[in-house]
């Protein structure tokens, strides 16, 4: 994949944020990482990234709340999301939370190749428009 994707990572753990940025920038993508959900929502609205990597446990707001808000916004609803969480998808589903449509779930800790493959799979389904 030769086209540079704009990727937003909303992740409160500085080491994880840095690791995600390092991995994906080495693959030629532009990655912006933020720690807080409110700042992430603002960036999401202004940047309109090609992919959002979203942690669920953030210091200022729940990641599912960010997910709900963006899916309710016509301009943001089509941005593909990869939930990156220490909880499993089954645990969140049991609590009533599920990813919609073609969004994906990546459980921490993840293998580097799993992150790359998941991002590429999402980008194949949602071609970069810039």
Foldseek 3Di string as FASTA:
>chain_A
DPDAWEEEEAAQDPVVLVVLCVLNVVVPYHYDYDQADVVSLVCCVVVVTQEYEFEQDGDPDGRVVSVVVQCVDPSRVPRAYEYEYQDDQVVVVVVVDHDDDPHYYHHPPHDSVVSVVNVVVSCVVRPDDD
